[in-house]
Amino acid sequence: MRNLLAILIAASAAASPAHAATIINKDSQPYMLKITESGQQSEIGIAPGESVDVCSAGCFLTMPNGDRETLAGTETVEIVGGKASIK
């Protein structure tokens, strides 16, 4: 019985969706964004009309204009006019 319970718990944990913030570029130009997650900084490119998932464990997002946002990993960020809008 304990083994069955352990299997069910493990299966439900594996089936639950991973959380990540989604960034959508609604502009007609590409952007390079800086992501700082768990003390590690990286850059990602996002093309016009593209969406990317980032920050599964929360992070800081820095836009090319220097705006910096704190993300928990559940938000949708839209880039419009070079500015980030968090939904």
N, C-alpha and C. Protein backbone atom coordinates (compact mmCIF):
# COMPACT_ATOMS: atom_id res chain seq x y z
N MET A 1 0.82 -1.19 0.00
CA MET A 1 0.00 0.00 0.00
C MET A 1 0.86 1.26 0.00
N ARG A 2 1.94 1.27 0.77
CA ARG A 2 2.82 2.43 0.81
C ARG A 2 3.49 2.64 -0.54
N ASN A 3 3.86 1.53 -1.19
CA ASN A 3 4.49 1.66 -2.51
C ASN A 3 3.52 2.27 -3.51
N LEU A 4 2.27 1.85 -3.46
CA LEU A 4 1.27 2.40 -4.37
C LEU A 4 1.08 3.89 -4.12
N LEU A 5 1.02 4.30 -2.87
CA LEU A 5 0.88 5.70 -2.52
C LEU A 5 2.09 6.50 -3.01
N ALA A 6 3.27 5.98 -2.82
CA ALA A 6 4.48 6.65 -3.28
C ALA A 6 4.48 6.81 -4.80
N ILE A 7 4.04 5.79 -5.51
CA ILE A 7 3.97 5.85 -6.98
C ILE A 7 2.96 6.90 -7.42
N LEU A 8 1.80 6.95 -6.77
CA LEU A 8 0.77 7.93 -7.13
C LEU A 8 1.25 9.36 -6.88
N ILE A 9 1.93 9.59 -5.78
CA ILE A 9 2.46 10.92 -5.48
C ILE A 9 3.52 11.32 -6.51
N ALA A 10 4.41 10.41 -6.82
CA ALA A 10 5.46 10.69 -7.82
C ALA A 10 4.85 10.96 -9.19
N ALA A 11 3.83 10.20 -9.57
CA ALA A 11 3.19 10.39 -10.87
C ALA A 11 2.48 11.73 -10.94
N SER A 12 1.81 12.14 -9.87
CA SER A 12 1.11 13.42 -9.91
C SER A 12 2.09 14.59 -9.93
N ALA A 13 3.23 14.45 -9.28
CA ALA A 13 4.25 15.50 -9.33
C ALA A 13 4.84 15.61 -10.72
N ALA A 14 5.05 14.50 -11.37
CA ALA A 14 5.61 14.51 -12.72
C ALA A 14 4.61 15.04 -13.73
N ALA A 15 3.34 14.87 -13.49
CA ALA A 15 2.30 15.30 -14.43
C ALA A 15 1.97 16.77 -14.30
N SER A 16 2.32 17.40 -13.18
CA SER A 16 2.00 18.81 -13.01
C SER A 16 2.89 19.66 -13.91
N PRO A 17 2.32 20.70 -14.51
CA PRO A 17 3.08 21.51 -15.45
C PRO A 17 4.17 22.30 -14.75
N ALA A 18 5.28 22.49 -15.44
CA ALA A 18 6.37 23.31 -14.92
C ALA A 18 5.98 24.77 -15.08
N HIS A 19 6.34 25.58 -14.12
CA HIS A 19 6.02 27.00 -14.19
C HIS A 19 7.18 27.73 -14.84
N ALA A 20 6.83 28.66 -15.70
CA ALA A 20 7.83 29.52 -16.33
C ALA A 20 7.13 30.78 -16.79
N ALA A 21 7.85 31.88 -16.76
CA ALA A 21 7.32 33.13 -17.30
C ALA A 21 7.40 33.05 -18.82
N THR A 22 6.40 33.59 -19.49
CA THR A 22 6.38 33.62 -20.95
C THR A 22 6.60 35.06 -21.40
N ILE A 23 7.57 35.25 -22.29
CA ILE A 23 7.85 36.57 -22.84
C ILE A 23 7.42 36.56 -24.30
N ILE A 24 6.59 37.53 -24.68
CA ILE A 24 6.08 37.63 -26.04
C ILE A 24 6.54 38.96 -26.63
N ASN A 25 7.23 38.90 -27.77
CA ASN A 25 7.69 40.11 -28.45
C ASN A 25 6.64 40.52 -29.48
N LYS A 26 5.90 41.58 -29.19
CA LYS A 26 4.86 42.06 -30.10
C LYS A 26 5.38 43.18 -31.00
N ASP A 27 6.66 43.50 -30.87
CA ASP A 27 7.28 44.53 -31.71
C ASP A 27 7.75 43.95 -33.04
N SER A 28 8.15 44.83 -33.95
CA SER A 28 8.64 44.40 -35.26
C SER A 28 10.16 44.28 -35.29
N GLN A 29 10.82 44.44 -34.16
CA GLN A 29 12.27 44.30 -34.10
C GLN A 29 12.66 43.27 -33.04
N PRO A 30 13.80 42.63 -33.22
CA PRO A 30 14.27 41.64 -32.22
C PRO A 30 14.87 42.36 -31.01
N TYR A 31 14.94 41.65 -29.90
CA TYR A 31 15.55 42.18 -28.68
C TYR A 31 16.46 41.15 -28.06
N MET A 32 17.49 41.63 -27.35
CA MET A 32 18.34 40.80 -26.51
C MET A 32 17.96 41.13 -25.07
N LEU A 33 17.61 40.13 -24.30
CA LEU A 33 17.21 40.30 -22.92
C LEU A 33 18.20 39.64 -22.00
N LYS A 34 18.46 40.26 -20.86
CA LYS A 34 19.33 39.66 -19.85
C LYS A 34 18.46 39.00 -18.80
N ILE A 35 18.78 37.77 -18.50
CA ILE A 35 18.06 36.99 -17.48
C ILE A 35 19.06 36.64 -16.39
N THR A 36 18.73 36.97 -15.14
CA THR A 36 19.55 36.56 -14.00
C THR A 36 18.71 35.63 -13.15
N GLU A 37 19.13 34.36 -13.12
CA GLU A 37 18.39 33.32 -12.40
C GLU A 37 19.37 32.52 -11.56
N SER A 38 19.08 32.44 -10.28
CA SER A 38 19.95 31.71 -9.33
C SER A 38 21.39 32.22 -9.40
N GLY A 39 21.55 33.53 -9.56
CA GLY A 39 22.87 34.13 -9.57
C GLY A 39 23.61 34.01 -10.90
N GLN A 40 23.05 33.33 -11.86
CA GLN A 40 23.67 33.14 -13.17
C GLN A 40 23.01 34.07 -14.18
N GLN A 41 23.84 34.85 -14.89
CA GLN A 41 23.30 35.76 -15.89
C GLN A 41 23.49 35.18 -17.28
N SER A 42 22.44 35.32 -18.11
CA SER A 42 22.51 34.88 -19.49
C SER A 42 21.74 35.86 -20.35
N GLU A 43 21.95 35.79 -21.65
CA GLU A 43 21.22 36.63 -22.58
C GLU A 43 20.44 35.74 -23.53
N ILE A 44 19.23 36.17 -23.85
CA ILE A 44 18.43 35.45 -24.84
C ILE A 44 17.95 36.44 -25.88
N GLY A 45 17.89 35.99 -27.11
CA GLY A 45 17.33 36.80 -28.17
C GLY A 45 15.88 36.40 -28.40
N ILE A 46 15.07 37.40 -28.69
CA ILE A 46 13.67 37.12 -28.98
C ILE A 46 13.29 37.89 -30.25
N ALA A 47 12.90 37.15 -31.26
CA ALA A 47 12.58 37.70 -32.57
C ALA A 47 11.18 38.32 -32.57
N PRO A 48 10.88 39.17 -33.55
CA PRO A 48 9.54 39.73 -33.65
C PRO A 48 8.48 38.62 -33.73
N GLY A 49 7.43 38.75 -32.93
CA GLY A 49 6.36 37.77 -32.92
C GLY A 49 6.66 36.49 -32.17
N GLU A 50 7.87 36.33 -31.68
CA GLU A 50 8.27 35.11 -30.98
C GLU A 50 7.86 35.17 -29.51
N SER A 51 7.66 34.00 -28.91
CA SER A 51 7.47 33.90 -27.46
C SER A 51 8.45 32.86 -26.93
N VAL A 52 8.97 33.13 -25.73
CA VAL A 52 9.90 32.21 -25.08
C VAL A 52 9.49 32.04 -23.63
N ASP A 53 9.77 30.87 -23.08
CA ASP A 53 9.53 30.59 -21.66
C ASP A 53 10.85 30.66 -20.92
N VAL A 54 10.87 31.41 -19.82
CA VAL A 54 12.08 31.60 -19.02
C VAL A 54 11.72 31.59 -17.55
N CYS A 55 12.71 31.58 -16.72
CA CYS A 55 12.55 31.81 -15.28
C CYS A 55 11.67 30.79 -14.57
N SER A 56 12.00 29.55 -14.67
CA SER A 56 11.20 28.52 -14.01
C SER A 56 11.27 28.61 -12.49
N ALA A 57 12.32 29.24 -11.97
CA ALA A 57 12.45 29.36 -10.52
C ALA A 57 12.49 30.82 -10.07
N GLY A 58 11.97 31.72 -10.91
CA GLY A 58 12.04 33.14 -10.59
C GLY A 58 13.34 33.73 -11.09
N CYS A 59 13.31 35.01 -11.46
CA CYS A 59 14.52 35.64 -12.00
C CYS A 59 14.34 37.14 -12.07
N PHE A 60 15.41 37.80 -12.51
CA PHE A 60 15.37 39.21 -12.86
C PHE A 60 15.48 39.28 -14.38
N LEU A 61 14.64 40.11 -15.00
CA LEU A 61 14.64 40.32 -16.44
C LEU A 61 15.08 41.75 -16.68
N THR A 62 16.11 41.95 -17.51
CA THR A 62 16.57 43.29 -17.87
C THR A 62 16.35 43.50 -19.35
N MET A 63 15.58 44.54 -19.67
CA MET A 63 15.28 44.90 -21.06
C MET A 63 16.44 45.72 -21.63
N PRO A 64 16.53 45.82 -22.96
CA PRO A 64 17.60 46.62 -23.57
C PRO A 64 17.61 48.08 -23.13
N ASN A 65 16.45 48.65 -22.78
CA ASN A 65 16.41 50.05 -22.33
C ASN A 65 16.80 50.20 -20.86
N GLY A 66 17.14 49.08 -20.19
CA GLY A 66 17.58 49.13 -18.80
C GLY A 66 16.49 48.83 -17.79
N ASP A 67 15.22 48.79 -18.22
CA ASP A 67 14.15 48.43 -17.30
C ASP A 67 14.41 47.04 -16.73
N ARG A 68 14.21 46.89 -15.43
CA ARG A 68 14.46 45.61 -14.77
C ARG A 68 13.21 45.19 -14.02
N GLU A 69 12.80 43.96 -14.22
CA GLU A 69 11.62 43.42 -13.57
C GLU A 69 11.97 42.15 -12.82
N THR A 70 11.29 41.90 -11.72
CA THR A 70 11.43 40.67 -10.96
C THR A 70 10.28 39.75 -11.35
N LEU A 71 10.60 38.53 -11.77
CA LEU A 71 9.58 37.57 -12.19
C LEU A 71 9.58 36.37 -11.26
N ALA A 72 8.40 35.90 -10.91
CA ALA A 72 8.26 34.72 -10.06
C ALA A 72 8.26 33.44 -10.88
N GLY A 73 7.98 33.56 -12.18
CA GLY A 73 7.95 32.38 -13.04
C GLY A 73 6.56 31.99 -13.48
N THR A 74 5.58 32.85 -13.21
CA THR A 74 4.20 32.54 -13.60
C THR A 74 3.59 33.62 -14.49
N GLU A 75 4.35 34.67 -14.78
CA GLU A 75 3.82 35.81 -15.49
C GLU A 75 3.89 35.65 -17.01
N THR A 76 3.13 36.51 -17.68
CA THR A 76 3.28 36.70 -19.12
C THR A 76 3.79 38.13 -19.30
N VAL A 77 4.90 38.27 -20.01
CA VAL A 77 5.49 39.58 -20.25
C VAL A 77 5.35 39.88 -21.74
N GLU A 78 4.72 41.00 -22.05
CA GLU A 78 4.57 41.42 -23.43
C GLU A 78 5.48 42.60 -23.69
N ILE A 79 6.22 42.54 -24.79
CA ILE A 79 7.09 43.64 -25.19
C ILE A 79 6.35 44.40 -26.30
N VAL A 80 6.04 45.66 -26.02
CA VAL A 80 5.35 46.53 -26.97
C VAL A 80 6.02 47.90 -26.90
N GLY A 81 6.47 48.39 -28.04
CA GLY A 81 7.13 49.70 -28.06
C GLY A 81 8.43 49.72 -27.27
N GLY A 82 9.08 48.57 -27.18
CA GLY A 82 10.35 48.48 -26.47
C GLY A 82 10.22 48.41 -24.96
N LYS A 83 9.00 48.36 -24.46
CA LYS A 83 8.77 48.31 -23.01
C LYS A 83 8.07 47.02 -22.63
N ALA A 84 8.40 46.53 -21.45
CA ALA A 84 7.80 45.30 -20.95
C ALA A 84 6.55 45.61 -20.14
N SER A 85 5.51 44.85 -20.39
CA SER A 85 4.26 44.95 -19.65
C SER A 85 3.97 43.57 -19.07
N ILE A 86 3.83 43.50 -17.75
CA ILE A 86 3.63 42.22 -17.07
C ILE A 86 2.14 42.01 -16.85
N LYS A 87 1.68 40.83 -17.26
CA LYS A 87 0.26 40.48 -17.11
C LYS A 87 0.11 39.33 -16.13
